[in-house]
């Protein structure tokens, strides 16, 4: 009887470890570039179904930079399946935006849902690759 209990506990621990590993698919540094005109970088940390991190968009050939200070988190979201709804804060007048990100074949797809201000600097669509 004790062996069965031990094996059950061991199996549950292994399954929990596998789930923890599987639940970090969004974690990491994701970046993309569009024809040398702009770059989008997301640094994401996944904890269960929650995302935190930073959003940095550099556009107009480097003349418009919308990035947080080092170490500052300006992005939060909730993961559902292969996607997440994220809110982010622009460094321009603290304008807020909402985007949908989806993970498709190791490519993170960004789609802007709404922004609270014309001051916000955010791309409508973007594809990002995870940095090694």
Foldseek 3Di string as FASTA:
>chain_A
DVVVVVVVVVVVVVVVVVVQVVQFLVAAWKKDDDPLFKMWIWHWGTDRFKIWTWIWIAGRNRPDTWTDPPPDIFKIWGHDDQKIWMKGFTPFVRKIFIWMWGADPQKIKIATDDTDDPRHDDDRIDIIHGDD
